[in-house]
Each structure stands twice: as C-alpha cells, then as structure tokens.
Amino acid sequence: MSAGLSLGDTRAYVLIDSEPEMTDRVVKSLRCRRDVRLADAINGPHDVIAVVEGSNASAVATAILSSIRKLQGVKDITVYLATARKGEKACP
C-alpha cells in the first residue's frame, strides 16, 4: 500500500465474517476490486480484514454496502471508518 492515497482521502477498515469454507473466495473477490487496497484472511473472531479507500465517505459506504456486503460468502461485516487524513504524511 502506498503512503499517499490515489483514490482519495477516506479509508475504512472492514472486518468480515464469511460462510464456512468461503474465506479464500471472499479474499480473492475483494482483491480484484479497485477500491480495496488490502484484503487478508485473519485469525480471531472475524475471518477477513479489508481496507477500502475512496474519494469521500459516501463513495466508501457505497462500495461497502452495495458491493462488498453482497459478495457471495459474506455473512456479516463490521466497518470502522478512519478519521480525517487529508494532508497526512507517511513520516514526520
């Protein structure tokens, strides 16, 4: 992932619960989306974590609710919207 955002200034961390035996398929589907910067299977109470970026909160919400939430194998999601990052630098 690059230090700067090419898609915009809004980022969300999406924790995904997948159907049994569907985690790999969900991860592969997420990795093919241009608004998903990262998607990995994880251990713990959730199965997948994804980082979604967009030009604004509305674009990120649309990506999550209209596309990601409806992917085959997705059972439930929890979304954490990052706070404003405009002008943030990678290092001081």
N, C-alpha and C. Protein backbone atom coordinates (compact mmCIF):
# COMPACT_ATOMS: atom_id res chain seq x y z
N MET A 1 0.85 -1.17 0.00
CA MET A 1 0.00 0.00 0.00
C MET A 1 0.89 1.22 0.00
N SER A 2 0.57 2.20 -0.80
CA SER A 2 1.38 3.40 -0.87
C SER A 2 1.10 4.31 0.31
N ALA A 3 2.07 5.20 0.60
CA ALA A 3 1.92 6.14 1.71
C ALA A 3 0.80 7.13 1.42
N GLY A 4 0.69 7.59 0.16
CA GLY A 4 -0.36 8.51 -0.21
C GLY A 4 -1.54 7.75 -0.77
N LEU A 5 -2.66 8.41 -0.84
CA LEU A 5 -3.85 7.76 -1.36
C LEU A 5 -4.07 8.18 -2.80
N SER A 6 -4.23 7.21 -3.66
CA SER A 6 -4.51 7.54 -5.05
C SER A 6 -6.01 7.65 -5.30
N LEU A 7 -6.80 7.02 -4.46
CA LEU A 7 -8.25 7.07 -4.67
C LEU A 7 -8.92 8.21 -3.93
N GLY A 8 -8.33 8.69 -2.87
CA GLY A 8 -8.96 9.75 -2.12
C GLY A 8 -8.52 9.78 -0.68
N ASP A 9 -9.27 10.51 0.09
CA ASP A 9 -8.87 10.75 1.46
C ASP A 9 -9.68 9.98 2.50
N THR A 10 -10.50 9.05 2.09
CA THR A 10 -11.33 8.32 3.05
C THR A 10 -10.96 6.84 3.03
N ARG A 11 -10.80 6.30 4.22
CA ARG A 11 -10.41 4.88 4.36
C ARG A 11 -11.31 4.23 5.39
N ALA A 12 -11.67 2.98 5.12
CA ALA A 12 -12.44 2.19 6.08
C ALA A 12 -11.77 0.83 6.24
N TYR A 13 -11.81 0.35 7.46
CA TYR A 13 -11.34 -1.00 7.78
C TYR A 13 -12.59 -1.85 7.94
N VAL A 14 -12.66 -2.92 7.16
CA VAL A 14 -13.86 -3.75 7.15
C VAL A 14 -13.50 -5.14 7.66
N LEU A 15 -14.13 -5.54 8.75
CA LEU A 15 -13.97 -6.88 9.31
C LEU A 15 -15.13 -7.71 8.80
N ILE A 16 -14.81 -8.86 8.23
CA ILE A 16 -15.81 -9.66 7.54
C ILE A 16 -15.90 -11.05 8.14
N ASP A 17 -17.12 -11.47 8.39
CA ASP A 17 -17.40 -12.85 8.80
C ASP A 17 -17.90 -13.57 7.54
N SER A 18 -17.23 -14.64 7.20
CA SER A 18 -17.61 -15.36 5.98
C SER A 18 -18.30 -16.67 6.32
N GLU A 19 -18.99 -17.19 5.31
CA GLU A 19 -19.61 -18.50 5.44
C GLU A 19 -18.50 -19.55 5.55
N PRO A 20 -18.78 -20.68 6.19
CA PRO A 20 -17.76 -21.72 6.29
C PRO A 20 -17.21 -22.10 4.91
N GLU A 21 -15.92 -22.28 4.84
CA GLU A 21 -15.23 -22.70 3.62
C GLU A 21 -15.25 -21.65 2.50
N MET A 22 -15.66 -20.42 2.80
CA MET A 22 -15.74 -19.39 1.76
C MET A 22 -14.72 -18.27 1.95
N THR A 23 -13.91 -18.34 2.97
CA THR A 23 -12.98 -17.25 3.28
C THR A 23 -12.05 -16.95 2.11
N ASP A 24 -11.42 -17.97 1.55
CA ASP A 24 -10.48 -17.75 0.44
C ASP A 24 -11.18 -17.10 -0.76
N ARG A 25 -12.38 -17.53 -1.05
CA ARG A 25 -13.12 -16.97 -2.18
C ARG A 25 -13.45 -15.49 -1.93
N VAL A 26 -13.84 -15.17 -0.70
CA VAL A 26 -14.13 -13.78 -0.35
C VAL A 26 -12.88 -12.92 -0.51
N VAL A 27 -11.75 -13.40 0.00
CA VAL A 27 -10.49 -12.65 -0.11
C VAL A 27 -10.13 -12.43 -1.57
N LYS A 28 -10.21 -13.44 -2.40
CA LYS A 28 -9.88 -13.31 -3.82
C LYS A 28 -10.80 -12.31 -4.51
N SER A 29 -12.08 -12.35 -4.19
CA SER A 29 -13.03 -11.41 -4.79
C SER A 29 -12.71 -9.97 -4.38
N LEU A 30 -12.37 -9.78 -3.11
CA LEU A 30 -12.04 -8.44 -2.63
C LEU A 30 -10.78 -7.91 -3.31
N ARG A 31 -9.79 -8.75 -3.48
CA ARG A 31 -8.52 -8.32 -4.07
C ARG A 31 -8.67 -7.88 -5.53
N CYS A 32 -9.75 -8.27 -6.17
CA CYS A 32 -9.99 -7.87 -7.56
C CYS A 32 -10.68 -6.51 -7.68
N ARG A 33 -11.11 -5.95 -6.58
CA ARG A 33 -11.81 -4.67 -6.60
C ARG A 33 -10.82 -3.52 -6.53
N ARG A 34 -11.02 -2.49 -7.34
CA ARG A 34 -10.07 -1.39 -7.37
C ARG A 34 -10.15 -0.50 -6.13
N ASP A 35 -11.27 -0.50 -5.42
CA ASP A 35 -11.38 0.32 -4.22
C ASP A 35 -10.89 -0.41 -2.96
N VAL A 36 -10.52 -1.66 -3.09
CA VAL A 36 -9.97 -2.42 -1.95
C VAL A 36 -8.45 -2.40 -2.06
N ARG A 37 -7.82 -1.80 -1.07
CA ARG A 37 -6.36 -1.67 -1.05
C ARG A 37 -5.68 -2.90 -0.47
N LEU A 38 -6.39 -3.62 0.40
CA LEU A 38 -5.82 -4.78 1.08
C LEU A 38 -6.96 -5.70 1.48
N ALA A 39 -6.74 -6.99 1.34
CA ALA A 39 -7.70 -7.99 1.82
C ALA A 39 -6.90 -9.22 2.23
N ASP A 40 -7.09 -9.63 3.48
CA ASP A 40 -6.38 -10.79 4.01
C ASP A 40 -7.29 -11.61 4.90
N ALA A 41 -7.08 -12.92 4.87
CA ALA A 41 -7.72 -13.80 5.85
C ALA A 41 -6.99 -13.60 7.17
N ILE A 42 -7.74 -13.61 8.27
CA ILE A 42 -7.16 -13.39 9.59
C ILE A 42 -7.67 -14.42 10.58
N ASN A 43 -6.95 -14.55 11.68
CA ASN A 43 -7.39 -15.40 12.79
C ASN A 43 -8.09 -14.53 13.81
N GLY A 44 -9.05 -15.08 14.50
CA GLY A 44 -9.77 -14.33 15.53
C GLY A 44 -11.25 -14.42 15.32
N PRO A 45 -11.98 -13.46 15.90
CA PRO A 45 -13.45 -13.53 15.81
C PRO A 45 -13.99 -13.25 14.41
N HIS A 46 -13.17 -12.64 13.54
CA HIS A 46 -13.58 -12.37 12.16
C HIS A 46 -12.69 -13.19 11.23
N ASP A 47 -13.11 -13.34 9.99
CA ASP A 47 -12.39 -14.18 9.03
C ASP A 47 -11.51 -13.41 8.05
N VAL A 48 -11.92 -12.17 7.74
CA VAL A 48 -11.23 -11.38 6.72
C VAL A 48 -11.16 -9.93 7.18
N ILE A 49 -10.06 -9.26 6.84
CA ILE A 49 -9.97 -7.81 7.01
C ILE A 49 -9.70 -7.21 5.65
N ALA A 50 -10.37 -6.10 5.36
CA ALA A 50 -10.17 -5.39 4.10
C ALA A 50 -10.01 -3.91 4.40
N VAL A 51 -9.19 -3.26 3.60
CA VAL A 51 -9.04 -1.81 3.67
C VAL A 51 -9.64 -1.25 2.38
N VAL A 52 -10.65 -0.40 2.55
CA VAL A 52 -11.36 0.19 1.41
C VAL A 52 -11.07 1.68 1.40
N GLU A 53 -10.71 2.22 0.22
CA GLU A 53 -10.45 3.64 0.10
C GLU A 53 -11.30 4.23 -1.00
N GLY A 54 -11.66 5.50 -0.81
CA GLY A 54 -12.45 6.21 -1.80
C GLY A 54 -12.26 7.69 -1.69
N SER A 55 -12.89 8.42 -2.59
CA SER A 55 -12.73 9.87 -2.64
C SER A 55 -13.42 10.58 -1.48
N ASN A 56 -14.43 9.93 -0.89
CA ASN A 56 -15.14 10.51 0.25
C ASN A 56 -15.89 9.39 0.98
N ALA A 57 -16.49 9.75 2.11
CA ALA A 57 -17.18 8.74 2.92
C ALA A 57 -18.34 8.10 2.17
N SER A 58 -19.01 8.87 1.34
CA SER A 58 -20.13 8.33 0.58
C SER A 58 -19.67 7.26 -0.42
N ALA A 59 -18.56 7.52 -1.08
CA ALA A 59 -18.02 6.55 -2.04
C ALA A 59 -17.60 5.26 -1.35
N VAL A 60 -16.99 5.40 -0.18
CA VAL A 60 -16.57 4.22 0.58
C VAL A 60 -17.80 3.44 1.05
N ALA A 61 -18.79 4.15 1.57
CA ALA A 61 -20.01 3.48 2.04
C ALA A 61 -20.72 2.75 0.90
N THR A 62 -20.77 3.37 -0.27
CA THR A 62 -21.39 2.73 -1.43
C THR A 62 -20.65 1.46 -1.81
N ALA A 63 -19.32 1.52 -1.83
CA ALA A 63 -18.53 0.34 -2.17
C ALA A 63 -18.79 -0.79 -1.19
N ILE A 64 -18.85 -0.45 0.08
CA ILE A 64 -19.04 -1.47 1.12
C ILE A 64 -20.45 -2.05 1.08
N LEU A 65 -21.44 -1.18 1.07
CA LEU A 65 -22.82 -1.65 1.20
C LEU A 65 -23.40 -2.21 -0.09
N SER A 66 -23.02 -1.65 -1.24
CA SER A 66 -23.64 -2.14 -2.47
C SER A 66 -22.86 -3.27 -3.12
N SER A 67 -21.59 -3.41 -2.79
CA SER A 67 -20.79 -4.43 -3.45
C SER A 67 -20.20 -5.45 -2.48
N ILE A 68 -19.41 -5.00 -1.55
CA ILE A 68 -18.70 -5.92 -0.66
C ILE A 68 -19.68 -6.71 0.20
N ARG A 69 -20.66 -6.05 0.76
CA ARG A 69 -21.64 -6.72 1.62
C ARG A 69 -22.41 -7.81 0.87
N LYS A 70 -22.52 -7.64 -0.44
CA LYS A 70 -23.30 -8.59 -1.25
C LYS A 70 -22.46 -9.69 -1.89
N LEU A 71 -21.15 -9.71 -1.63
CA LEU A 71 -20.31 -10.77 -2.19
C LEU A 71 -20.76 -12.13 -1.69
N GLN A 72 -20.70 -13.11 -2.57
CA GLN A 72 -21.05 -14.46 -2.17
C GLN A 72 -20.08 -14.92 -1.08
N GLY A 73 -20.63 -15.44 -0.01
CA GLY A 73 -19.82 -15.94 1.10
C GLY A 73 -19.70 -14.98 2.26
N VAL A 74 -20.10 -13.72 2.07
CA VAL A 74 -20.05 -12.74 3.16
C VAL A 74 -21.30 -12.91 4.02
N LYS A 75 -21.07 -13.18 5.30
CA LYS A 75 -22.17 -13.38 6.24
C LYS A 75 -22.50 -12.10 6.99
N ASP A 76 -21.46 -11.38 7.44
CA ASP A 76 -21.67 -10.16 8.22
C ASP A 76 -20.43 -9.29 8.10
N ILE A 77 -20.59 -7.98 8.30
CA ILE A 77 -19.46 -7.06 8.27
C ILE A 77 -19.52 -6.10 9.44
N THR A 78 -18.34 -5.63 9.84
CA THR A 78 -18.21 -4.56 10.81
C THR A 78 -17.28 -3.54 10.17
N VAL A 79 -17.70 -2.28 10.14
CA VAL A 79 -16.94 -1.24 9.44
C VAL A 79 -16.45 -0.20 10.43
N TYR A 80 -15.16 0.14 10.28
CA TYR A 80 -14.54 1.22 11.05
C TYR A 80 -14.04 2.25 10.05
N LEU A 81 -14.65 3.42 10.06
CA LEU A 81 -14.26 4.49 9.17
C LEU A 81 -13.13 5.27 9.82
N ALA A 82 -12.00 5.41 9.11
CA ALA A 82 -10.86 6.15 9.65
C ALA A 82 -11.20 7.63 9.76
N THR A 83 -10.57 8.29 10.71
CA THR A 83 -10.79 9.73 10.88
C THR A 83 -10.10 10.48 9.74
N ALA A 84 -10.40 11.74 9.62
CA ALA A 84 -9.86 12.57 8.53
C ALA A 84 -8.35 12.46 8.44
N ARG A 85 -7.86 12.30 7.19
CA ARG A 85 -6.43 12.12 6.97
C ARG A 85 -5.88 13.10 5.95
N LYS A 86 -6.66 14.05 5.53
CA LYS A 86 -6.23 14.96 4.47
C LYS A 86 -4.91 15.64 4.85
N GLY A 87 -3.95 15.59 3.96
CA GLY A 87 -2.67 16.21 4.19
C GLY A 87 -1.72 15.41 5.07
N GLU A 88 -2.14 14.22 5.47
CA GLU A 88 -1.30 13.37 6.33
C GLU A 88 -0.07 12.93 5.57
N LYS A 89 1.07 12.96 6.25
CA LYS A 89 2.30 12.50 5.64
C LYS A 89 2.66 11.13 6.20
N ALA A 90 3.39 10.35 5.39
CA ALA A 90 3.76 9.00 5.82
C ALA A 90 4.74 9.05 6.99
N CYS A 91 5.66 10.01 6.99
CA CYS A 91 6.65 10.14 8.05
C CYS A 91 6.81 11.62 8.40
N PRO A 92 7.16 11.91 9.65
CA PRO A 92 7.34 13.32 10.03
C PRO A 92 8.53 13.96 9.35
